[in-house]
C-alpha atoms as a PDB file:
ATOM      1  CA  MET A   1     -52.094  -5.267  20.180  1.00  0.00           C
ATOM      2  CA  LEU A   2     -49.116  -4.466  22.310  1.00  0.00           C
ATOM      3  CA  THR A   3     -47.616  -7.800  21.494  1.00  0.00           C
ATOM      4  CA  TRP A   4     -47.858  -7.132  17.917  1.00  0.00           C
ATOM      5  CA  ILE A   5     -45.924  -3.343  18.539  1.00  0.00           C
ATOM      6  CA  VAL A   6     -43.318  -5.031  20.398  1.00  0.00           C
ATOM      7  CA  LEU A   7     -42.902  -8.370  17.649  1.00  0.00           C
ATOM      8  CA  THR A   8     -43.042  -5.599  15.143  1.00  0.00           C
ATOM      9  CA  ILE A   9     -40.066  -2.869  17.091  1.00  0.00           C
ATOM     10  CA  ILE A  10     -37.731  -6.651  17.821  1.00  0.00           C
ATOM     11  CA  VAL A  11     -38.050  -7.815  13.566  1.00  0.00           C
ATOM     12  CA  ALA A  12     -37.138  -4.055  12.573  1.00  0.00           C
ATOM     13  CA  ALA A  13     -34.334  -3.937  15.398  1.00  0.00           C
ATOM     14  CA  ILE A  14     -32.994  -7.326  13.871  1.00  0.00           C
ATOM     15  CA  ILE A  15     -33.270  -6.400  10.699  1.00  0.00           C
ATOM     16  CA  TYR A  16     -31.914  -2.880  11.347  1.00  0.00           C
ATOM     17  CA  ALA A  17     -28.783  -5.139  12.712  1.00  0.00           C
ATOM     18  CA  VAL A  18     -28.448  -7.373  10.019  1.00  0.00           C
ATOM     19  CA  VAL A  19     -28.064  -4.520   7.424  1.00  0.00           C
ATOM     20  CA  ILE A  20     -25.303  -2.600   9.720  1.00  0.00           C
ATOM     21  CA  PHE A  21     -23.473  -6.377  10.303  1.00  0.00           C
ATOM     22  CA  ASN A  22     -23.370  -6.621   6.254  1.00  0.00           C
ATOM     23  CA  ASN A  23     -22.260  -3.293   5.732  1.00  0.00           C
ATOM     24  CA  LEU A  24     -19.474  -3.588   8.392  1.00  0.00           C
ATOM     25  CA  VAL A  25     -18.837  -7.063   6.237  1.00  0.00           C
ATOM     26  CA  ARG A  26     -18.629  -5.048   2.910  1.00  0.00           C
ATOM     27  CA  SER A  27     -16.249  -2.569   4.146  1.00  0.00           C
ATOM     28  CA  ARG A  28     -13.905  -5.223   5.859  1.00  0.00           C
ATOM     29  CA  GLN A  29     -13.908  -7.159   2.577  1.00  0.00           C
ATOM     30  CA  MET A  30     -12.924  -3.776   0.535  1.00  0.00           C
ATOM     31  CA  THR A  31     -10.467  -2.983   2.956  1.00  0.00           C
ATOM     32  CA  ASN A  32      -8.951  -6.499   2.386  1.00  0.00           C
ATOM     33  CA  GLU A  33      -9.341  -6.121  -1.209  1.00  0.00           C
ATOM     34  CA  ALA A  34      -7.399  -2.913  -1.231  1.00  0.00           C
ATOM     35  CA  TRP A  35      -5.093  -4.265   0.839  1.00  0.00           C
ATOM     36  CA  SER A  36      -3.667  -6.845  -2.088  1.00  0.00           C
ATOM     37  CA  GLY A  37      -4.232  -4.291  -4.440  1.00  0.00           C
ATOM     38  CA  ILE A  38      -1.356  -2.470  -2.418  1.00  0.00           C
ATOM     39  CA  ASP A  39       0.665  -5.662  -1.864  1.00  0.00           C
ATOM     40  CA  VAL A  40       0.702  -6.901  -5.600  1.00  0.00           C
ATOM     41  CA  GLN A  41       2.276  -3.629  -7.397  1.00  0.00           C
ATOM     42  CA  LEU A  42       4.767  -3.553  -3.609  1.00  0.00           C
ATOM     43  CA  LYS A  43       5.582  -7.113  -5.190  1.00  0.00           C
ATOM     44  CA  ARG A  44       5.922  -6.260  -8.524  1.00  0.00           C
ATOM     45  CA  ARG A  45       8.251  -3.482  -7.211  1.00  0.00           C
ATOM     46  CA  GLY A  46      10.221  -6.039  -5.223  1.00  0.00           C
ATOM     47  CA  GLU A  47      10.639  -8.265  -8.502  1.00  0.00           C
ATOM     48  CA  LEU A  48      11.580  -5.146 -10.592  1.00  0.00           C
ATOM     49  CA  ILE A  49      14.322  -3.801  -8.019  1.00  0.00           C
ATOM     50  CA  PRO A  50      16.492  -6.643  -8.691  1.00  0.00           C
ATOM     51  CA  ASN A  51      16.677  -6.539 -11.656  1.00  0.00           C
ATOM     52  CA  LEU A  52      17.753  -2.089 -11.215  1.00  0.00           C
ATOM     53  CA  VAL A  53      20.166  -3.355  -9.404  1.00  0.00           C
ATOM     54  CA  GLU A  54      21.935  -5.376 -11.682  1.00  0.00           C
ATOM     55  CA  SER A  55      21.540  -2.937 -14.017  1.00  0.00           C
ATOM     56  CA  VAL A  56      23.469  -0.097 -12.561  1.00  0.00           C
ATOM     57  CA  LYS A  57      25.955  -2.178 -10.837  1.00  0.00           C
ATOM     58  CA  GLY A  58      28.150  -2.379 -13.932  1.00  0.00           C
ATOM     59  CA  TYR A  59      27.592   1.584 -14.530  1.00  0.00           C
ATOM     60  CA  ALA A  60      28.289   2.587 -10.620  1.00  0.00           C
ATOM     61  CA  ALA A  61      30.445   0.209  -8.941  1.00  0.00           C
ATOM     62  CA  HIS A  62      31.018   2.254  -6.144  1.00  0.00           C
ATOM     63  CA  GLU A  63      27.882   2.639  -5.374  1.00  0.00           C
ATOM     64  CA  ARG A  64      27.518  -0.773  -3.778  1.00  0.00           C
ATOM     65  CA  GLU A  65      26.775   0.721  -0.351  1.00  0.00           C
ATOM     66  CA  LEU A  66      23.443   1.823  -1.700  1.00  0.00           C
ATOM     67  CA  LEU A  67      22.714  -1.086  -4.082  1.00  0.00           C
ATOM     68  CA  ALA A  68      23.281  -3.407  -1.204  1.00  0.00           C
ATOM     69  CA  ARG A  69      20.605  -0.858   1.273  1.00  0.00           C
ATOM     70  CA  VAL A  70      18.089  -1.301  -1.482  1.00  0.00           C
ATOM     71  CA  THR A  71      18.661  -5.334  -1.596  1.00  0.00           C
ATOM     72  CA  GLU A  72      18.549  -5.467   1.904  1.00  0.00           C
ATOM     73  CA  LEU A  73      15.281  -3.105   2.070  1.00  0.00           C
ATOM     74  CA  ARG A  74      13.369  -5.209  -0.863  1.00  0.00           C
ATOM     75  CA  ASN A  75      14.012  -8.526   1.048  1.00  0.00           C
ATOM     76  CA  ALA A  76      12.972  -6.951   4.434  1.00  0.00           C
ATOM     77  CA  ALA A  77       9.751  -5.839   3.196  1.00  0.00           C
ATOM     78  CA  GLN A  78       8.860  -9.264   1.251  1.00  0.00           C
ATOM     79  CA  ALA A  79       9.632 -10.426   4.570  1.00  0.00           C
ATOM     80  CA  LEU A  80       6.984  -8.564   6.414  1.00  0.00           C
ATOM     81  CA  PRO A  81       3.796 -10.451   7.567  1.00  0.00           C
ATOM     82  CA  ASN A  82       0.774  -8.586   5.354  1.00  0.00           C
ATOM     83  CA  ALA A  83      -1.333  -7.110   8.604  1.00  0.00           C
ATOM     84  CA  ASP A  84       1.988  -5.209   9.755  1.00  0.00           C
ATOM     85  CA  VAL A  85       0.967  -2.157   7.822  1.00  0.00           C
ATOM     86  CA  GLU A  86       2.714   0.563   9.663  1.00  0.00           C
ATOM     87  CA  ARG A  87       5.698  -1.082   9.664  1.00  0.00           C
ATOM     88  CA  ARG A  88       5.275  -1.878   5.864  1.00  0.00           C
ATOM     89  CA  ALA A  89       4.785   1.662   5.151  1.00  0.00           C
ATOM     90  CA  GLU A  90       7.627   2.706   7.010  1.00  0.00           C
ATOM     91  CA  ILE A  91       9.872  -0.345   5.080  1.00  0.00           C
ATOM     92  CA  GLU A  92       8.408   0.736   1.370  1.00  0.00           C
ATOM     93  CA  GLY A  93       8.771   4.488   1.648  1.00  0.00           C
ATOM     94  CA  ALA A  94      12.427   3.918   2.895  1.00  0.00           C
ATOM     95  CA  LEU A  95      12.723   1.773   0.048  1.00  0.00           C
ATOM     96  CA  SER A  96      11.062   4.422  -2.535  1.00  0.00           C
ATOM     97  CA  VAL A  97      13.638   6.899  -0.958  1.00  0.00           C
ATOM     98  CA  ALA A  98      16.039   4.324  -2.384  1.00  0.00           C
ATOM     99  CA  VAL A  99      15.472   3.768  -5.388  1.00  0.00           C
ATOM    100  CA  LYS A 100      15.440   7.262  -6.049  1.00  0.00           C
ATOM    101  CA  ARG A 101      18.630   7.142  -5.276  1.00  0.00           C
ATOM    102  CA  ILE A 102      18.917   4.925  -7.826  1.00  0.00           C
ATOM    103  CA  MET A 103      17.525   7.186 -10.644  1.00  0.00           C
ATOM    104  CA  ALA A 104      19.274  10.166  -9.925  1.00  0.00           C
ATOM    105  CA  LEU A 105      22.630   7.966 -10.645  1.00  0.00           C
ATOM    106  CA  ALA A 106      21.552   7.837 -13.799  1.00  0.00           C
ATOM    107  CA  GLU A 107      22.808  11.742 -14.410  1.00  0.00           C
ATOM    108  CA  ALA A 108      26.055  10.594 -13.412  1.00  0.00           C
ATOM    109  CA  TYR A 109      26.448   8.031 -15.644  1.00  0.00           C
ATOM    110  CA  PRO A 110      25.861   9.010 -19.293  1.00  0.00           C
ATOM    111  CA  ASP A 111      26.126   5.486 -20.842  1.00  0.00           C
ATOM    112  CA  LEU A 112      23.280   4.058 -18.002  1.00  0.00           C
ATOM    113  CA  LYS A 113      20.994   6.425 -18.856  1.00  0.00           C
ATOM    114  CA  ALA A 114      21.582   5.391 -22.381  1.00  0.00           C
ATOM    115  CA  SER A 115      21.147   2.146 -21.655  1.00  0.00           C
ATOM    116  CA  THR A 116      18.366   0.319 -23.413  1.00  0.00           C
ATOM    117  CA  ASN A 117      17.799  -1.428 -20.340  1.00  0.00           C
ATOM    118  CA  PHE A 118      17.743   0.568 -17.884  1.00  0.00           C
ATOM    119  CA  LEU A 119      15.842   3.511 -19.893  1.00  0.00           C
ATOM    120  CA  GLU A 120      12.980  -0.011 -19.561  1.00  0.00           C
ATOM    121  CA  LEU A 121      13.570  -0.649 -15.874  1.00  0.00           C
ATOM    122  CA  GLN A 122      13.202   3.297 -15.129  1.00  0.00           C
ATOM    123  CA  GLN A 123       9.661   3.786 -17.535  1.00  0.00           C
ATOM    124  CA  GLU A 124       8.342   0.491 -15.145  1.00  0.00           C
ATOM    125  CA  LEU A 125       9.104   1.455 -12.428  1.00  0.00           C
ATOM    126  CA  SER A 126       7.732   5.050 -12.957  1.00  0.00           C
ATOM    127  CA  ARG A 127       4.676   2.680 -13.993  1.00  0.00           C
ATOM    128  CA  LEU A 128       4.521   1.105 -10.853  1.00  0.00           C
ATOM    129  CA  GLU A 129       4.988   4.289  -8.635  1.00  0.00           C
ATOM    130  CA  ASP A 130       1.644   5.437  -9.836  1.00  0.00           C
ATOM    131  CA  GLU A 131      -0.227   2.407  -9.372  1.00  0.00           C
ATOM    132  CA  ILE A 132       1.047   2.060  -5.795  1.00  0.00           C
ATOM    133  CA  GLN A 133      -0.145   5.776  -5.619  1.00  0.00           C
ATOM    134  CA  MET A 134      -3.046   4.745  -6.741  1.00  0.00           C
ATOM    135  CA  ALA A 135      -3.648   1.707  -4.537  1.00  0.00           C
ATOM    136  CA  ARG A 136      -2.419   3.198  -1.615  1.00  0.00           C
ATOM    137  CA  ARG A 137      -5.241   5.999  -1.914  1.00  0.00           C
ATOM    138  CA  TYR A 138      -7.673   3.110  -2.973  1.00  0.00           C
ATOM    139  CA  TYR A 139      -6.744   1.714   0.379  1.00  0.00           C
ATOM    140  CA  ASN A 140      -7.475   4.207   2.753  1.00  0.00           C
ATOM    141  CA  GLY A 141     -10.140   5.031   1.899  1.00  0.00           C
ATOM    142  CA  SER A 142     -11.357   1.574   2.303  1.00  0.00           C
ATOM    143  CA  VAL A 143      -9.869   2.248   5.765  1.00  0.00           C
ATOM    144  CA  ARG A 144     -11.757   5.356   6.671  1.00  0.00           C
ATOM    145  CA  ASN A 145     -15.166   3.834   5.461  1.00  0.00           C
ATOM    146  CA  LEU A 146     -14.323   0.727   7.925  1.00  0.00           C
ATOM    147  CA  ASN A 147     -13.334   2.851  10.443  1.00  0.00           C
ATOM    148  CA  THR A 148     -16.390   5.369  10.354  1.00  0.00           C
ATOM    149  CA  LEU A 149     -18.503   2.390  10.478  1.00  0.00           C
ATOM    150  CA  VAL A 150     -16.807   1.325  13.302  1.00  0.00           C
ATOM    151  CA  GLN A 151     -16.833   3.801  15.308  1.00  0.00           C
ATOM    152  CA  SER A 152     -20.036   5.281  14.413  1.00  0.00           C
ATOM    153  CA  PHE A 153     -23.330   4.628  16.407  1.00  0.00           C
ATOM    154  CA  PRO A 154     -25.377   2.459  15.815  1.00  0.00           C
ATOM    155  CA  SER A 155     -22.458   0.185  13.756  1.00  0.00           C
ATOM    156  CA  ASN A 156     -20.388   0.349  16.528  1.00  0.00           C
ATOM    157  CA  LEU A 157     -22.306  -1.150  18.676  1.00  0.00           C
ATOM    158  CA  VAL A 158     -22.804  -4.023  15.868  1.00  0.00           C
ATOM    159  CA  ALA A 159     -19.229  -3.720  14.999  1.00  0.00           C
ATOM    160  CA  GLY A 160     -17.927  -4.320  19.060  1.00  0.00           C
ATOM    161  CA  THR A 161     -20.549  -7.140  19.241  1.00  0.00           C
ATOM    162  CA  PHE A 162     -18.536  -8.930  16.273  1.00  0.00           C
ATOM    163  CA  ARG A 163     -15.177  -7.823  16.886  1.00  0.00           C
ATOM    164  CA  PHE A 164     -14.736  -5.774  13.816  1.00  0.00           C
ATOM    165  CA  ASP A 165     -11.563  -3.802  14.482  1.00  0.00           C
ATOM    166  CA  GLN A 166     -10.317  -0.321  12.921  1.00  0.00           C
ATOM    167  CA  ARG A 167      -7.408  -0.728  10.585  1.00  0.00           C
ATOM    168  CA  LYS A 168      -4.641   1.294  10.482  1.00  0.00           C
ATOM    169  CA  PHE A 169      -4.000   3.433   7.286  1.00  0.00           C
ATOM    170  CA  PHE A 170      -0.688   3.176   5.041  1.00  0.00           C
ATOM    171  CA  GLU A 171       1.312   6.084   5.520  1.00  0.00           C
ATOM    172  CA  LEU A 172       3.937   6.809   5.166  1.00  0.00           C
ATOM    173  CA  ALA A 173       6.812   8.644   7.648  1.00  0.00           C
ATOM    174  CA  ASP A 174       7.899  11.377   4.937  1.00  0.00           C
ATOM    175  CA  ALA A 175       5.475  13.329   2.594  1.00  0.00           C
ATOM    176  CA  SER A 176       8.981  13.517   0.326  1.00  0.00           C
ATOM    177  CA  GLU A 177       8.574   9.516   0.245  1.00  0.00           C
ATOM    178  CA  GLY A 178       5.583   9.929  -1.262  1.00  0.00           C
ATOM    179  CA  ALA A 179       6.765  11.329  -4.403  1.00  0.00           C
ATOM    180  CA  VAL A 180       6.830   9.955  -7.856  1.00  0.00           C
ATOM    181  CA  PRO A 181      10.814   9.227  -8.825  1.00  0.00           C
ATOM    182  CA  GLN A 182      11.295  12.330 -11.609  1.00  0.00           C
ATOM    183  CA  VAL A 183      12.182  10.362 -14.905  1.00  0.00           C
ATOM    184  CA  THR A 184      14.316  11.693 -17.644  1.00  0.00           C
ATOM    185  CA  LEU A 185      14.180   9.843 -20.858  1.00  0.00           C
ATOM    186  CA  ARG A 186      16.143  11.257 -23.560  1.00  0.00           C
END
């Protein structure tokens, strides 16, 4: 009789550990998927930026420093490995600020502001910024769930045994970097 009780407890513990392990795997996969969503949106923005820069170049020739900075930040963001979330957030935040400065140039150049090509790029960039914000929120929610499982008892025992690590949130260095650019369409 005692053998059956011990055996039942051992089987229940193993089943419970398997359930915890599967939850950790599911959470890790959701976090990976969420990061992929951010990465896709950032790549789409990275592909849009050269068109935006070219569109502005003809109108704002004396703004070469800003345009060069945007190109430099775009290239730096694309060169970073996906695993470096902190550095990627830092560079993408700086890129957002620089792109907002380009958008502000439109106010100083009425011909640029009236350009159909520029207006379409502005609209697309605005949509992309919204999608990046949504992807960032989804990723951070997935990271929160994974980190909670990794830190909570008893799942932390399984997480430690199978080397499930916490992830870093995709945070911006400056809260103003997260604001969606104001787009004036006329």
